[in-house]
Amino acid sequence: MFARVSEFLGLKAGKASPKDELALATAALLVQVSKADGDFSAGERAALLKALTERYGLDAWSAGEILTRAEAREAEATSLYEFTRTLARELDQDERQEIVRLLWQVALADDSLDNFEANALAKIAGLLGVTPEDRVRIKHEVMGR
């Protein structure tokens, strides 16, 4: 099974492909925001998987595998920097704003925004170099949908 995932994600001799690293970093940040309020709801999980499949062109099975890995990495992480560094290094400003959009979509998926989720999202957006103005604008865009 791991061989199939590895082949799909382009892993060779333990080295992850850039697409895999981006998807994993994105998923870990989505997990962080989802769990910030202590409740990783079914709606948030579904929104997270949808975000991964749409953003990275994954099938449902592969998105689930990345989510599993991201949950483990997020639980072991000592800071958000290891995930945001990967994204900030590889993505331009518009793409980083798209990551913030995904974060808002997942955070708002359960029709509830906890202060812990909002604070985690603000911290992540800042580490990605997305301004507070853009973060709030994106929030309103997501809420308007």
N, C-alpha and C. Protein backbone atom coordinates (compact mmCIF):
# COMPACT_ATOMS: atom_id res chain seq x y z
N MET A 1 0.82 -1.18 0.00
CA MET A 1 0.00 0.00 0.00
C MET A 1 0.87 1.25 0.00
N PHE A 2 1.92 1.28 0.86
CA PHE A 2 2.80 2.43 0.90
C PHE A 2 3.49 2.64 -0.44
N ALA A 3 3.81 1.55 -1.10
CA ALA A 3 4.47 1.67 -2.40
C ALA A 3 3.57 2.39 -3.39
N ARG A 4 2.27 2.11 -3.34
CA ARG A 4 1.32 2.76 -4.24
C ARG A 4 1.25 4.26 -3.95
N VAL A 5 1.16 4.61 -2.68
CA VAL A 5 1.13 6.02 -2.30
C VAL A 5 2.43 6.68 -2.70
N SER A 6 3.54 6.03 -2.41
CA SER A 6 4.85 6.59 -2.74
C SER A 6 4.99 6.83 -4.24
N GLU A 7 4.54 5.87 -5.02
CA GLU A 7 4.62 6.02 -6.46
C GLU A 7 3.76 7.19 -6.93
N PHE A 8 2.54 7.27 -6.41
CA PHE A 8 1.64 8.34 -6.80
C PHE A 8 2.21 9.70 -6.43
N LEU A 9 2.76 9.82 -5.25
CA LEU A 9 3.26 11.11 -4.77
C LEU A 9 4.68 11.41 -5.23
N GLY A 10 5.29 10.48 -5.92
CA GLY A 10 6.62 10.72 -6.45
C GLY A 10 7.72 10.55 -5.43
N LEU A 11 7.51 9.74 -4.43
CA LEU A 11 8.54 9.52 -3.42
C LEU A 11 9.55 8.51 -3.94
N LYS A 12 10.83 8.85 -3.80
CA LYS A 12 11.89 7.94 -4.23
C LYS A 12 12.95 7.95 -3.17
N ALA A 13 13.28 6.78 -2.68
CA ALA A 13 14.34 6.63 -1.68
C ALA A 13 14.13 7.57 -0.49
N GLY A 14 12.88 7.69 -0.08
CA GLY A 14 12.57 8.48 1.10
C GLY A 14 12.48 9.98 0.86
N LYS A 15 12.70 10.43 -0.37
CA LYS A 15 12.64 11.86 -0.67
C LYS A 15 11.28 12.18 -1.25
N ALA A 16 10.61 13.14 -0.63
CA ALA A 16 9.28 13.52 -1.07
C ALA A 16 9.36 14.47 -2.27
N SER A 17 8.38 14.38 -3.14
CA SER A 17 8.29 15.30 -4.26
C SER A 17 7.84 16.66 -3.74
N PRO A 18 8.11 17.72 -4.50
CA PRO A 18 7.65 19.04 -4.07
C PRO A 18 6.13 19.08 -3.88
N LYS A 19 5.39 18.42 -4.76
CA LYS A 19 3.93 18.40 -4.63
C LYS A 19 3.52 17.73 -3.33
N ASP A 20 4.18 16.64 -2.96
CA ASP A 20 3.87 15.94 -1.72
C ASP A 20 4.16 16.83 -0.53
N GLU A 21 5.31 17.50 -0.53
CA GLU A 21 5.67 18.38 0.58
C GLU A 21 4.67 19.52 0.73
N LEU A 22 4.25 20.10 -0.38
CA LEU A 22 3.27 21.19 -0.33
C LEU A 22 1.93 20.69 0.19
N ALA A 23 1.48 19.54 -0.32
CA ALA A 23 0.20 18.98 0.13
C ALA A 23 0.25 18.63 1.61
N LEU A 24 1.35 18.04 2.05
CA LEU A 24 1.49 17.66 3.45
C LEU A 24 1.55 18.89 4.36
N ALA A 25 2.29 19.91 3.96
CA ALA A 25 2.37 21.14 4.75
C ALA A 25 1.00 21.82 4.82
N THR A 26 0.32 21.88 3.70
CA THR A 26 -1.02 22.47 3.67
C THR A 26 -1.96 21.70 4.58
N ALA A 27 -1.95 20.38 4.46
CA ALA A 27 -2.83 19.55 5.28
C ALA A 27 -2.54 19.72 6.77
N ALA A 28 -1.26 19.80 7.13
CA ALA A 28 -0.90 19.98 8.55
C ALA A 28 -1.44 21.31 9.08
N LEU A 29 -1.37 22.36 8.29
CA LEU A 29 -1.90 23.65 8.72
C LEU A 29 -3.43 23.61 8.82
N LEU A 30 -4.05 22.92 7.88
CA LEU A 30 -5.51 22.76 7.93
C LEU A 30 -5.92 21.99 9.18
N VAL A 31 -5.16 20.97 9.51
CA VAL A 31 -5.43 20.19 10.73
C VAL A 31 -5.26 21.08 11.95
N GLN A 32 -4.20 21.89 11.97
CA GLN A 32 -3.95 22.78 13.11
C GLN A 32 -5.14 23.70 13.35
N VAL A 33 -5.65 24.31 12.31
CA VAL A 33 -6.79 25.22 12.46
C VAL A 33 -8.04 24.43 12.86
N SER A 34 -8.24 23.28 12.26
CA SER A 34 -9.42 22.46 12.57
C SER A 34 -9.46 22.02 14.02
N LYS A 35 -8.30 21.70 14.56
CA LYS A 35 -8.24 21.19 15.93
C LYS A 35 -8.04 22.28 16.98
N ALA A 36 -7.89 23.52 16.55
CA ALA A 36 -7.60 24.61 17.48
C ALA A 36 -8.67 24.77 18.55
N ASP A 37 -9.91 24.49 18.19
CA ASP A 37 -11.01 24.63 19.15
C ASP A 37 -11.28 23.34 19.93
N GLY A 38 -10.44 22.33 19.72
CA GLY A 38 -10.61 21.07 20.44
C GLY A 38 -11.61 20.12 19.81
N ASP A 39 -12.17 20.50 18.66
CA ASP A 39 -13.18 19.67 18.01
C ASP A 39 -12.93 19.63 16.51
N PHE A 40 -12.42 18.51 16.04
CA PHE A 40 -12.20 18.32 14.60
C PHE A 40 -13.46 17.67 14.05
N SER A 41 -14.43 18.51 13.68
CA SER A 41 -15.75 18.03 13.29
C SER A 41 -15.74 17.30 11.95
N ALA A 42 -16.79 16.55 11.71
CA ALA A 42 -16.93 15.84 10.44
C ALA A 42 -16.99 16.83 9.28
N GLY A 43 -17.64 17.96 9.49
CA GLY A 43 -17.71 18.99 8.45
C GLY A 43 -16.35 19.56 8.13
N GLU A 44 -15.54 19.78 9.16
CA GLU A 44 -14.18 20.28 8.94
C GLU A 44 -13.33 19.24 8.22
N ARG A 45 -13.47 17.98 8.63
CA ARG A 45 -12.72 16.90 7.98
C ARG A 45 -13.09 16.80 6.50
N ALA A 46 -14.37 16.87 6.20
CA ALA A 46 -14.83 16.79 4.81
C ALA A 46 -14.31 17.98 4.01
N ALA A 47 -14.36 19.17 4.59
CA ALA A 47 -13.86 20.37 3.91
C ALA A 47 -12.36 20.28 3.67
N LEU A 48 -11.64 19.72 4.64
CA LEU A 48 -10.20 19.56 4.52
C LEU A 48 -9.86 18.60 3.37
N LEU A 49 -10.54 17.48 3.33
CA LEU A 49 -10.29 16.52 2.25
C LEU A 49 -10.64 17.11 0.89
N LYS A 50 -11.73 17.84 0.83
CA LYS A 50 -12.13 18.49 -0.43
C LYS A 50 -11.07 19.50 -0.85
N ALA A 51 -10.56 20.27 0.11
CA ALA A 51 -9.52 21.25 -0.20
C ALA A 51 -8.28 20.58 -0.78
N LEU A 52 -7.88 19.46 -0.18
CA LEU A 52 -6.70 18.75 -0.69
C LEU A 52 -6.93 18.19 -2.08
N THR A 53 -8.10 17.60 -2.31
CA THR A 53 -8.36 17.01 -3.63
C THR A 53 -8.40 18.08 -4.71
N GLU A 54 -9.01 19.22 -4.39
CA GLU A 54 -9.13 20.27 -5.40
C GLU A 54 -7.81 21.01 -5.61
N ARG A 55 -7.12 21.34 -4.53
CA ARG A 55 -5.88 22.13 -4.64
C ARG A 55 -4.75 21.34 -5.28
N TYR A 56 -4.64 20.05 -4.93
CA TYR A 56 -3.50 19.25 -5.38
C TYR A 56 -3.87 18.16 -6.38
N GLY A 57 -5.11 18.14 -6.82
CA GLY A 57 -5.53 17.16 -7.82
C GLY A 57 -5.44 15.72 -7.36
N LEU A 58 -5.73 15.50 -6.09
CA LEU A 58 -5.64 14.15 -5.50
C LEU A 58 -6.97 13.44 -5.59
N ASP A 59 -6.91 12.12 -5.63
CA ASP A 59 -8.14 11.36 -5.48
C ASP A 59 -8.45 11.25 -3.98
N ALA A 60 -9.63 10.77 -3.65
CA ALA A 60 -10.07 10.72 -2.26
C ALA A 60 -9.14 9.86 -1.40
N TRP A 61 -8.69 8.74 -1.94
CA TRP A 61 -7.81 7.84 -1.18
C TRP A 61 -6.49 8.52 -0.85
N SER A 62 -5.88 9.16 -1.84
CA SER A 62 -4.59 9.83 -1.63
C SER A 62 -4.73 11.01 -0.66
N ALA A 63 -5.83 11.74 -0.78
CA ALA A 63 -6.07 12.85 0.15
C ALA A 63 -6.21 12.32 1.58
N GLY A 64 -6.88 11.20 1.74
CA GLY A 64 -7.00 10.58 3.06
C GLY A 64 -5.66 10.15 3.63
N GLU A 65 -4.80 9.62 2.78
CA GLU A 65 -3.46 9.23 3.21
C GLU A 65 -2.64 10.44 3.64
N ILE A 66 -2.72 11.50 2.88
CA ILE A 66 -2.00 12.72 3.25
C ILE A 66 -2.55 13.29 4.55
N LEU A 67 -3.86 13.25 4.72
CA LEU A 67 -4.46 13.73 5.96
C LEU A 67 -3.95 12.93 7.16
N THR A 68 -3.87 11.62 7.01
CA THR A 68 -3.36 10.77 8.09
C THR A 68 -1.93 11.15 8.44
N ARG A 69 -1.10 11.32 7.43
CA ARG A 69 0.30 11.72 7.67
C ARG A 69 0.38 13.11 8.29
N ALA A 70 -0.48 14.02 7.81
CA ALA A 70 -0.47 15.39 8.32
C ALA A 70 -0.88 15.44 9.78
N GLU A 71 -1.85 14.64 10.16
CA GLU A 71 -2.27 14.61 11.56
C GLU A 71 -1.12 14.15 12.46
N ALA A 72 -0.39 13.16 12.00
CA ALA A 72 0.75 12.67 12.78
C ALA A 72 1.85 13.72 12.85
N ARG A 73 2.16 14.34 11.73
CA ARG A 73 3.21 15.38 11.71
C ARG A 73 2.82 16.59 12.54
N GLU A 74 1.55 16.99 12.45
CA GLU A 74 1.08 18.15 13.20
C GLU A 74 1.15 17.86 14.70
N ALA A 75 0.81 16.65 15.09
CA ALA A 75 0.85 16.28 16.51
C ALA A 75 2.27 16.29 17.06
N GLU A 76 3.25 15.96 16.23
CA GLU A 76 4.65 15.91 16.65
C GLU A 76 5.37 17.25 16.53
N ALA A 77 4.81 18.16 15.77
CA ALA A 77 5.49 19.43 15.49
C ALA A 77 5.61 20.30 16.73
N THR A 78 6.72 20.97 16.84
CA THR A 78 6.92 21.89 17.95
C THR A 78 6.51 23.31 17.60
N SER A 79 6.36 23.57 16.29
CA SER A 79 5.91 24.89 15.85
C SER A 79 5.28 24.77 14.47
N LEU A 80 4.64 25.83 14.05
CA LEU A 80 4.03 25.88 12.73
C LEU A 80 5.05 26.20 11.64
N TYR A 81 6.21 26.66 12.07
CA TYR A 81 7.20 27.16 11.13
C TYR A 81 7.63 26.12 10.10
N GLU A 82 7.76 24.86 10.51
CA GLU A 82 8.21 23.86 9.54
C GLU A 82 7.23 23.72 8.38
N PHE A 83 5.96 23.97 8.62
CA PHE A 83 4.95 23.87 7.57
C PHE A 83 4.85 25.16 6.77
N THR A 84 4.83 26.29 7.47
CA THR A 84 4.70 27.57 6.77
C THR A 84 5.96 27.88 5.96
N ARG A 85 7.12 27.47 6.45
CA ARG A 85 8.37 27.71 5.72
C ARG A 85 8.32 27.04 4.34
N THR A 86 7.86 25.81 4.31
CA THR A 86 7.75 25.07 3.04
C THR A 86 6.86 25.82 2.06
N LEU A 87 5.70 26.26 2.53
CA LEU A 87 4.76 26.95 1.65
C LEU A 87 5.26 28.33 1.24
N ALA A 88 5.81 29.07 2.19
CA ALA A 88 6.29 30.42 1.88
C ALA A 88 7.45 30.38 0.88
N ARG A 89 8.28 29.35 0.99
CA ARG A 89 9.43 29.21 0.09
C ARG A 89 8.99 28.87 -1.33
N GLU A 90 7.97 28.04 -1.47
CA GLU A 90 7.59 27.50 -2.78
C GLU A 90 6.46 28.25 -3.48
N LEU A 91 5.66 29.00 -2.73
CA LEU A 91 4.46 29.62 -3.32
C LEU A 91 4.62 31.13 -3.42
N ASP A 92 4.01 31.70 -4.44
CA ASP A 92 4.00 33.16 -4.54
C ASP A 92 2.87 33.71 -3.66
N GLN A 93 2.75 35.03 -3.60
CA GLN A 93 1.77 35.67 -2.71
C GLN A 93 0.34 35.23 -3.01
N ASP A 94 -0.03 35.16 -4.28
CA ASP A 94 -1.39 34.73 -4.63
C ASP A 94 -1.67 33.30 -4.18
N GLU A 95 -0.69 32.43 -4.34
CA GLU A 95 -0.86 31.04 -3.92
C GLU A 95 -0.93 30.92 -2.40
N ARG A 96 -0.16 31.74 -1.70
CA ARG A 96 -0.23 31.74 -0.23
C ARG A 96 -1.59 32.25 0.24
N GLN A 97 -2.13 33.22 -0.48
CA GLN A 97 -3.48 33.68 -0.15
C GLN A 97 -4.50 32.58 -0.40
N GLU A 98 -4.26 31.76 -1.39
CA GLU A 98 -5.16 30.62 -1.63
C GLU A 98 -5.10 29.62 -0.48
N ILE A 99 -3.94 29.44 0.11
CA ILE A 99 -3.83 28.57 1.28
C ILE A 99 -4.66 29.16 2.43
N VAL A 100 -4.58 30.47 2.62
CA VAL A 100 -5.38 31.13 3.65
C VAL A 100 -6.87 30.95 3.36
N ARG A 101 -7.24 31.01 2.09
CA ARG A 101 -8.64 30.76 1.71
C ARG A 101 -9.06 29.35 2.13
N LEU A 102 -8.21 28.37 1.88
CA LEU A 102 -8.52 26.99 2.30
C LEU A 102 -8.66 26.90 3.81
N LEU A 103 -7.80 27.60 4.53
CA LEU A 103 -7.89 27.61 5.99
C LEU A 103 -9.23 28.16 6.46
N TRP A 104 -9.66 29.26 5.85
CA TRP A 104 -10.97 29.82 6.20
C TRP A 104 -12.09 28.86 5.85
N GLN A 105 -12.02 28.23 4.70
CA GLN A 105 -13.07 27.29 4.30
C GLN A 105 -13.21 26.16 5.30
N VAL A 106 -12.09 25.64 5.77
CA VAL A 106 -12.13 24.55 6.74
C VAL A 106 -12.59 25.07 8.10
N ALA A 107 -12.07 26.21 8.53
CA ALA A 107 -12.45 26.76 9.84
C ALA A 107 -13.94 27.07 9.91
N LEU A 108 -14.51 27.48 8.80
CA LEU A 108 -15.93 27.85 8.78
C LEU A 108 -16.84 26.70 8.35
N ALA A 109 -16.29 25.55 8.09
CA ALA A 109 -17.07 24.42 7.58
C ALA A 109 -18.15 23.94 8.55
N ASP A 110 -17.92 24.12 9.84
CA ASP A 110 -18.90 23.68 10.83
C ASP A 110 -19.81 24.83 11.27
N ASP A 111 -19.83 25.91 10.49
CA ASP A 111 -20.66 27.09 10.76
C ASP A 111 -20.38 27.71 12.12
N SER A 112 -19.17 27.54 12.60
CA SER A 112 -18.77 28.09 13.88
C SER A 112 -17.31 28.49 13.79
N LEU A 113 -17.00 29.69 14.28
CA LEU A 113 -15.62 30.14 14.30
C LEU A 113 -15.25 30.46 15.74
N ASP A 114 -14.43 29.62 16.29
CA ASP A 114 -13.95 29.78 17.66
C ASP A 114 -12.77 30.75 17.66
N ASN A 115 -12.58 31.46 18.77
CA ASN A 115 -11.44 32.37 18.87
C ASN A 115 -10.10 31.66 18.69
N PHE A 116 -10.01 30.42 19.17
CA PHE A 116 -8.77 29.67 19.00
C PHE A 116 -8.48 29.40 17.53
N GLU A 117 -9.54 29.08 16.77
CA GLU A 117 -9.37 28.86 15.33
C GLU A 117 -8.94 30.16 14.64
N ALA A 118 -9.61 31.25 14.97
CA ALA A 118 -9.29 32.54 14.36
C ALA A 118 -7.85 32.96 14.69
N ASN A 119 -7.43 32.73 15.92
CA ASN A 119 -6.07 33.08 16.31
C ASN A 119 -5.03 32.21 15.61
N ALA A 120 -5.31 30.91 15.50
CA ALA A 120 -4.39 30.02 14.79
C ALA A 120 -4.28 30.44 13.33
N LEU A 121 -5.41 30.77 12.74
CA LEU A 121 -5.43 31.17 11.34
C LEU A 121 -4.66 32.48 11.15
N ALA A 122 -4.84 33.43 12.06
CA ALA A 122 -4.11 34.69 11.96
C ALA A 122 -2.60 34.47 12.07
N LYS A 123 -2.20 33.60 12.96
CA LYS A 123 -0.77 33.31 13.13
C LYS A 123 -0.20 32.66 11.86
N ILE A 124 -0.92 31.69 11.33
CA ILE A 124 -0.46 31.01 10.11
C ILE A 124 -0.38 32.00 8.95
N ALA A 125 -1.42 32.82 8.79
CA ALA A 125 -1.41 33.80 7.70
C ALA A 125 -0.21 34.73 7.82
N GLY A 126 0.09 35.16 9.04
CA GLY A 126 1.25 36.02 9.25
C GLY A 126 2.54 35.33 8.87
N LEU A 127 2.68 34.07 9.26
CA LEU A 127 3.89 33.32 8.92
C LEU A 127 4.01 33.08 7.42
N LEU A 128 2.88 33.06 6.74
CA LEU A 128 2.90 32.91 5.28
C LEU A 128 3.13 34.23 4.56
N GLY A 129 3.15 35.33 5.31
CA GLY A 129 3.35 36.64 4.70
C GLY A 129 2.10 37.24 4.11
N VAL A 130 0.94 36.77 4.56
CA VAL A 130 -0.34 37.32 4.11
C VAL A 130 -0.73 38.40 5.12
N THR A 131 -1.02 39.59 4.62
CA THR A 131 -1.31 40.72 5.49
C THR A 131 -2.63 40.52 6.22
N PRO A 132 -2.79 41.19 7.37
CA PRO A 132 -4.08 41.12 8.07
C PRO A 132 -5.24 41.59 7.20
N GLU A 133 -5.00 42.61 6.39
CA GLU A 133 -6.05 43.11 5.50
C GLU A 133 -6.49 42.04 4.50
N ASP A 134 -5.52 41.36 3.90
CA ASP A 134 -5.85 40.30 2.95
C ASP A 134 -6.52 39.12 3.66
N ARG A 135 -6.06 38.80 4.86
CA ARG A 135 -6.66 37.70 5.62
C ARG A 135 -8.13 37.98 5.89
N VAL A 136 -8.46 39.20 6.31
CA VAL A 136 -9.85 39.56 6.60
C VAL A 136 -10.67 39.61 5.31
N ARG A 137 -10.09 40.15 4.25
CA ARG A 137 -10.79 40.17 2.96
C ARG A 137 -11.15 38.77 2.50
N ILE A 138 -10.18 37.86 2.61
CA ILE A 138 -10.42 36.47 2.20
C ILE A 138 -11.50 35.84 3.07
N LYS A 139 -11.48 36.12 4.36
CA LYS A 139 -12.53 35.61 5.27
C LYS A 139 -13.90 36.03 4.79
N HIS A 140 -14.06 37.32 4.47
CA HIS A 140 -15.35 37.82 4.02
C HIS A 140 -15.76 37.21 2.69
N GLU A 141 -14.80 36.99 1.81
CA GLU A 141 -15.10 36.32 0.54
C GLU A 141 -15.62 34.90 0.78
N VAL A 142 -14.96 34.17 1.67
CA VAL A 142 -15.37 32.81 1.98
C VAL A 142 -16.74 32.79 2.65
N MET A 143 -16.97 33.73 3.57
CA MET A 143 -18.26 33.80 4.25
C MET A 143 -19.39 34.16 3.30
N GLY A 144 -19.07 34.92 2.24
CA GLY A 144 -20.07 35.33 1.28
C GLY A 144 -20.52 34.23 0.33
N ARG A 145 -19.79 33.12 0.32
CA ARG A 145 -20.14 32.03 -0.60
C ARG A 145 -21.23 31.17 -0.04
